[in-house]
Amino acid sequence: MNVCVECPYCGYENDMTDDLIELNGNEFDTECVECKEEFEVYVEFDPSFTVSKIVFEKCQQCGSETRDICKRGSIFPYPSHLKDKVCRQCYRIAVIEYFRDYHKGVED
């Protein structure tokens, strides 16, 4: 799908497909292929939406039900003593303990 914008000086349809690949922010300067005048391009993105069911999972550490589960392999660091799926609170406590123990080992 080619994305074209009209030059504000001469009206020529400039292909912006390649310019959008390395976009830093939502505006950039480009030069018209036809008249060689430089102009600004503002990129507006249309939002897209996806939906999914809300899934509550049981924390394998404390047993609470949550929809914000932390899973081994998808978050780092993940303390080795934790079960595979834990709630955010159990994860935070374990990470604090992990760094506290690590810090004690560094000081010794």
N, C-alpha and C. Protein backbone atom coordinates (compact mmCIF):
# COMPACT_ATOMS: atom_id res chain seq x y z
N MET A 1 0.84 -1.18 0.00
CA MET A 1 0.00 0.00 0.00
C MET A 1 0.89 1.24 0.00
N ASN A 2 0.79 2.03 -1.02
CA ASN A 2 1.56 3.27 -1.11
C ASN A 2 0.83 4.39 -0.39
N VAL A 3 1.60 5.19 0.32
CA VAL A 3 1.07 6.35 1.01
C VAL A 3 1.60 7.58 0.28
N CYS A 4 0.69 8.39 -0.24
CA CYS A 4 1.10 9.57 -1.01
C CYS A 4 0.57 10.83 -0.33
N VAL A 5 1.35 11.90 -0.43
CA VAL A 5 0.91 13.21 0.03
C VAL A 5 1.09 14.20 -1.11
N GLU A 6 0.20 15.18 -1.12
CA GLU A 6 0.25 16.20 -2.17
C GLU A 6 1.19 17.32 -1.76
N CYS A 7 2.07 17.70 -2.66
CA CYS A 7 2.99 18.81 -2.42
C CYS A 7 2.17 20.09 -2.25
N PRO A 8 2.41 20.87 -1.18
CA PRO A 8 1.64 22.10 -0.98
C PRO A 8 2.02 23.21 -1.96
N TYR A 9 3.09 23.03 -2.73
CA TYR A 9 3.53 24.05 -3.69
C TYR A 9 3.01 23.78 -5.10
N CYS A 10 3.20 22.54 -5.58
CA CYS A 10 2.84 22.26 -6.97
C CYS A 10 1.71 21.25 -7.12
N GLY A 11 1.30 20.58 -6.03
CA GLY A 11 0.20 19.63 -6.10
C GLY A 11 0.60 18.22 -6.52
N TYR A 12 1.88 17.97 -6.74
CA TYR A 12 2.34 16.64 -7.16
C TYR A 12 2.15 15.63 -6.02
N GLU A 13 1.71 14.41 -6.37
CA GLU A 13 1.51 13.34 -5.39
C GLU A 13 2.85 12.64 -5.12
N ASN A 14 3.44 12.88 -3.97
CA ASN A 14 4.72 12.29 -3.59
C ASN A 14 4.49 11.00 -2.79
N ASP A 15 5.21 9.95 -3.15
CA ASP A 15 5.12 8.66 -2.45
C ASP A 15 5.92 8.74 -1.15
N MET A 16 5.27 8.51 -0.02
CA MET A 16 5.91 8.59 1.29
C MET A 16 6.19 7.22 1.90
N THR A 17 5.95 6.14 1.17
CA THR A 17 6.08 4.80 1.72
C THR A 17 7.45 4.57 2.35
N ASP A 18 8.52 4.90 1.65
CA ASP A 18 9.87 4.69 2.18
C ASP A 18 10.18 5.62 3.35
N ASP A 19 9.63 6.82 3.34
CA ASP A 19 9.89 7.78 4.42
C ASP A 19 9.28 7.35 5.75
N LEU A 20 8.21 6.56 5.70
CA LEU A 20 7.55 6.13 6.93
C LEU A 20 8.27 4.99 7.62
N ILE A 21 9.19 4.33 6.92
CA ILE A 21 9.90 3.19 7.50
C ILE A 21 10.79 3.62 8.66
N GLU A 22 11.52 4.69 8.51
CA GLU A 22 12.44 5.16 9.54
C GLU A 22 11.94 6.44 10.18
N LEU A 23 10.70 6.46 10.56
CA LEU A 23 10.06 7.64 11.11
C LEU A 23 10.48 7.86 12.56
N ASN A 24 11.01 9.04 12.87
CA ASN A 24 11.36 9.43 14.23
C ASN A 24 10.38 10.51 14.67
N GLY A 25 9.32 10.12 15.34
CA GLY A 25 8.30 11.07 15.73
C GLY A 25 7.19 11.09 14.70
N ASN A 26 6.36 12.13 14.73
CA ASN A 26 5.23 12.18 13.81
C ASN A 26 5.33 13.31 12.78
N GLU A 27 6.51 13.91 12.64
CA GLU A 27 6.68 14.92 11.59
C GLU A 27 8.10 14.85 11.04
N PHE A 28 8.22 15.16 9.77
CA PHE A 28 9.53 15.18 9.13
C PHE A 28 9.48 16.08 7.91
N ASP A 29 10.64 16.50 7.44
CA ASP A 29 10.75 17.32 6.23
C ASP A 29 11.08 16.41 5.05
N THR A 30 10.53 16.74 3.90
CA THR A 30 10.84 16.00 2.67
C THR A 30 10.86 16.97 1.51
N GLU A 31 11.38 16.51 0.40
CA GLU A 31 11.49 17.34 -0.80
C GLU A 31 10.58 16.77 -1.87
N CYS A 32 9.84 17.63 -2.54
CA CYS A 32 8.95 17.21 -3.62
C CYS A 32 9.79 16.68 -4.78
N VAL A 33 9.39 15.54 -5.31
CA VAL A 33 10.09 14.92 -6.43
C VAL A 33 9.97 15.79 -7.68
N GLU A 34 8.85 16.47 -7.83
CA GLU A 34 8.57 17.26 -9.03
C GLU A 34 9.21 18.65 -9.00
N CYS A 35 8.86 19.47 -7.99
CA CYS A 35 9.31 20.87 -7.99
C CYS A 35 10.54 21.12 -7.11
N LYS A 36 10.97 20.12 -6.36
CA LYS A 36 12.18 20.18 -5.51
C LYS A 36 12.04 21.12 -4.31
N GLU A 37 10.83 21.58 -4.02
CA GLU A 37 10.60 22.41 -2.82
C GLU A 37 10.52 21.49 -1.60
N GLU A 38 11.02 21.98 -0.47
CA GLU A 38 10.98 21.20 0.76
C GLU A 38 9.71 21.57 1.53
N PHE A 39 9.06 20.57 2.12
CA PHE A 39 7.85 20.81 2.91
C PHE A 39 7.79 19.84 4.08
N GLU A 40 6.94 20.18 5.06
CA GLU A 40 6.78 19.34 6.26
C GLU A 40 5.65 18.35 6.05
N VAL A 41 5.84 17.16 6.60
CA VAL A 41 4.81 16.13 6.58
C VAL A 41 4.48 15.79 8.03
N TYR A 42 3.22 15.85 8.39
CA TYR A 42 2.74 15.45 9.71
C TYR A 42 2.01 14.13 9.55
N VAL A 43 2.43 13.13 10.31
CA VAL A 43 1.83 11.80 10.22
C VAL A 43 0.80 11.65 11.32
N GLU A 44 -0.42 11.29 10.94
CA GLU A 44 -1.48 11.04 11.89
C GLU A 44 -1.80 9.55 11.83
N PHE A 45 -1.75 8.90 12.97
CA PHE A 45 -2.01 7.46 13.02
C PHE A 45 -3.43 7.22 13.49
N ASP A 46 -4.13 6.36 12.78
CA ASP A 46 -5.47 5.96 13.19
C ASP A 46 -5.33 4.83 14.20
N PRO A 47 -6.01 4.92 15.34
CA PRO A 47 -5.90 3.84 16.31
C PRO A 47 -6.59 2.57 15.81
N SER A 48 -6.08 1.45 16.21
CA SER A 48 -6.74 0.18 15.93
C SER A 48 -7.01 -0.48 17.27
N PHE A 49 -8.06 -1.26 17.33
CA PHE A 49 -8.47 -1.86 18.59
C PHE A 49 -8.52 -3.37 18.45
N THR A 50 -8.13 -4.06 19.50
CA THR A 50 -8.29 -5.50 19.58
C THR A 50 -8.99 -5.80 20.90
N VAL A 51 -9.68 -6.90 20.94
CA VAL A 51 -10.41 -7.27 22.15
C VAL A 51 -10.04 -8.68 22.56
N SER A 52 -10.20 -8.95 23.84
CA SER A 52 -10.01 -10.30 24.36
C SER A 52 -10.82 -10.43 25.64
N LYS A 53 -11.08 -11.66 26.02
CA LYS A 53 -11.81 -11.91 27.26
C LYS A 53 -10.91 -11.57 28.44
N ILE A 54 -11.53 -11.16 29.54
CA ILE A 54 -10.79 -10.94 30.78
C ILE A 54 -10.60 -12.30 31.43
N VAL A 55 -9.36 -12.66 31.67
CA VAL A 55 -9.05 -13.96 32.26
C VAL A 55 -8.41 -13.73 33.63
N PHE A 56 -9.05 -14.26 34.65
CA PHE A 56 -8.50 -14.21 36.00
C PHE A 56 -7.74 -15.50 36.24
N GLU A 57 -6.53 -15.38 36.79
CA GLU A 57 -5.72 -16.55 37.10
C GLU A 57 -5.41 -16.56 38.58
N LYS A 58 -5.17 -17.74 39.09
CA LYS A 58 -4.87 -17.90 40.51
C LYS A 58 -3.36 -17.81 40.72
N CYS A 59 -2.97 -16.99 41.68
CA CYS A 59 -1.56 -16.86 42.05
C CYS A 59 -1.12 -18.17 42.68
N GLN A 60 -0.06 -18.76 42.16
CA GLN A 60 0.44 -20.03 42.69
C GLN A 60 1.22 -19.85 43.98
N GLN A 61 1.45 -18.61 44.39
CA GLN A 61 2.19 -18.33 45.62
C GLN A 61 1.23 -18.10 46.79
N CYS A 62 0.26 -17.19 46.61
CA CYS A 62 -0.63 -16.84 47.72
C CYS A 62 -2.08 -17.28 47.51
N GLY A 63 -2.45 -17.67 46.29
CA GLY A 63 -3.80 -18.15 46.02
C GLY A 63 -4.81 -17.10 45.61
N SER A 64 -4.42 -15.83 45.56
CA SER A 64 -5.37 -14.78 45.17
C SER A 64 -5.66 -14.85 43.67
N GLU A 65 -6.83 -14.33 43.29
CA GLU A 65 -7.24 -14.28 41.89
C GLU A 65 -6.84 -12.92 41.32
N THR A 66 -6.23 -12.91 40.14
CA THR A 66 -5.82 -11.65 39.52
C THR A 66 -5.86 -11.76 38.00
N ARG A 67 -6.03 -10.64 37.35
CA ARG A 67 -5.94 -10.61 35.88
C ARG A 67 -4.59 -10.08 35.43
N ASP A 68 -3.75 -9.70 36.39
CA ASP A 68 -2.42 -9.16 36.12
C ASP A 68 -1.37 -10.14 36.65
N ILE A 69 -1.27 -11.29 36.02
CA ILE A 69 -0.38 -12.36 36.48
C ILE A 69 1.04 -12.17 35.93
N CYS A 70 2.03 -12.46 36.73
CA CYS A 70 3.43 -12.43 36.31
C CYS A 70 3.84 -13.86 36.01
N LYS A 71 4.36 -14.09 34.81
CA LYS A 71 4.71 -15.45 34.39
C LYS A 71 6.21 -15.59 34.21
N ARG A 72 6.72 -16.73 34.67
CA ARG A 72 8.14 -17.04 34.48
C ARG A 72 8.44 -17.03 32.98
N GLY A 73 9.52 -16.39 32.59
CA GLY A 73 9.92 -16.32 31.19
C GLY A 73 9.42 -15.08 30.46
N SER A 74 8.46 -14.35 31.06
CA SER A 74 7.96 -13.15 30.40
C SER A 74 8.31 -11.88 31.16
N ILE A 75 9.02 -12.01 32.27
CA ILE A 75 9.39 -10.85 33.07
C ILE A 75 10.77 -11.12 33.69
N PHE A 76 11.57 -10.07 33.80
CA PHE A 76 12.92 -10.22 34.34
C PHE A 76 13.19 -9.12 35.34
N PRO A 77 13.83 -9.36 36.44
CA PRO A 77 14.29 -10.67 36.91
C PRO A 77 13.13 -11.47 37.47
N TYR A 78 13.27 -12.78 37.46
CA TYR A 78 12.25 -13.66 38.03
C TYR A 78 12.93 -14.56 39.04
N PRO A 79 12.79 -14.24 40.33
CA PRO A 79 13.47 -15.02 41.36
C PRO A 79 13.16 -16.52 41.24
N SER A 80 14.19 -17.33 41.39
CA SER A 80 14.07 -18.77 41.13
C SER A 80 13.14 -19.48 42.11
N HIS A 81 12.95 -18.96 43.32
CA HIS A 81 12.09 -19.64 44.29
C HIS A 81 10.60 -19.42 44.03
N LEU A 82 10.24 -18.51 43.15
CA LEU A 82 8.83 -18.25 42.85
C LEU A 82 8.24 -19.34 41.97
N LYS A 83 6.94 -19.57 42.13
CA LYS A 83 6.22 -20.49 41.25
C LYS A 83 6.13 -19.86 39.86
N ASP A 84 5.55 -20.59 38.88
CA ASP A 84 5.52 -20.12 37.49
C ASP A 84 4.58 -18.94 37.25
N LYS A 85 3.47 -18.86 37.99
CA LYS A 85 2.51 -17.77 37.81
C LYS A 85 2.16 -17.18 39.17
N VAL A 86 2.52 -15.90 39.35
CA VAL A 86 2.26 -15.25 40.63
C VAL A 86 1.63 -13.88 40.41
N CYS A 87 0.94 -13.40 41.44
CA CYS A 87 0.32 -12.07 41.36
C CYS A 87 1.41 -11.00 41.44
N ARG A 88 1.06 -9.79 41.10
CA ARG A 88 2.01 -8.68 41.07
C ARG A 88 2.59 -8.41 42.46
N GLN A 89 1.77 -8.53 43.51
CA GLN A 89 2.26 -8.27 44.87
C GLN A 89 3.30 -9.30 45.29
N CYS A 90 3.04 -10.58 45.04
CA CYS A 90 4.02 -11.62 45.39
C CYS A 90 5.31 -11.43 44.60
N TYR A 91 5.17 -11.05 43.34
CA TYR A 91 6.35 -10.81 42.50
C TYR A 91 7.19 -9.67 43.07
N ARG A 92 6.54 -8.57 43.43
CA ARG A 92 7.27 -7.40 43.95
C ARG A 92 8.00 -7.73 45.24
N ILE A 93 7.33 -8.44 46.14
CA ILE A 93 7.96 -8.82 47.40
C ILE A 93 9.19 -9.69 47.14
N ALA A 94 9.06 -10.65 46.22
CA ALA A 94 10.17 -11.55 45.90
C ALA A 94 11.34 -10.79 45.28
N VAL A 95 11.06 -9.83 44.42
CA VAL A 95 12.12 -9.05 43.78
C VAL A 95 12.84 -8.17 44.81
N ILE A 96 12.09 -7.57 45.72
CA ILE A 96 12.71 -6.77 46.78
C ILE A 96 13.63 -7.65 47.62
N GLU A 97 13.16 -8.84 47.99
CA GLU A 97 14.00 -9.76 48.77
C GLU A 97 15.22 -10.19 47.97
N TYR A 98 15.03 -10.43 46.69
CA TYR A 98 16.13 -10.85 45.81
C TYR A 98 17.23 -9.79 45.79
N PHE A 99 16.86 -8.54 45.59
CA PHE A 99 17.85 -7.47 45.55
C PHE A 99 18.44 -7.18 46.93
N ARG A 100 17.64 -7.33 47.98
CA ARG A 100 18.15 -7.14 49.34
C ARG A 100 19.23 -8.19 49.63
N ASP A 101 18.95 -9.45 49.28
CA ASP A 101 19.94 -10.53 49.48
C ASP A 101 21.16 -10.31 48.61
N TYR A 102 20.95 -9.86 47.38
CA TYR A 102 22.07 -9.60 46.48
C TYR A 102 22.96 -8.49 47.03
N HIS A 103 22.32 -7.45 47.53
CA HIS A 103 23.06 -6.30 48.08
C HIS A 103 23.87 -6.72 49.31
N LYS A 104 23.29 -7.57 50.16
CA LYS A 104 24.02 -8.07 51.34
C LYS A 104 25.25 -8.85 50.90
N GLY A 105 25.12 -9.65 49.84
CA GLY A 105 26.25 -10.44 49.34
C GLY A 105 27.36 -9.57 48.79
N VAL A 106 27.01 -8.44 48.21
CA VAL A 106 28.00 -7.53 47.64
C VAL A 106 28.77 -6.82 48.76
N GLU A 107 28.06 -6.47 49.84
CA GLU A 107 28.70 -5.77 50.96
C GLU A 107 29.64 -6.67 51.74
N ASP A 108 29.34 -7.96 51.81
CA ASP A 108 30.16 -8.90 52.60
C ASP A 108 31.50 -9.18 52.01
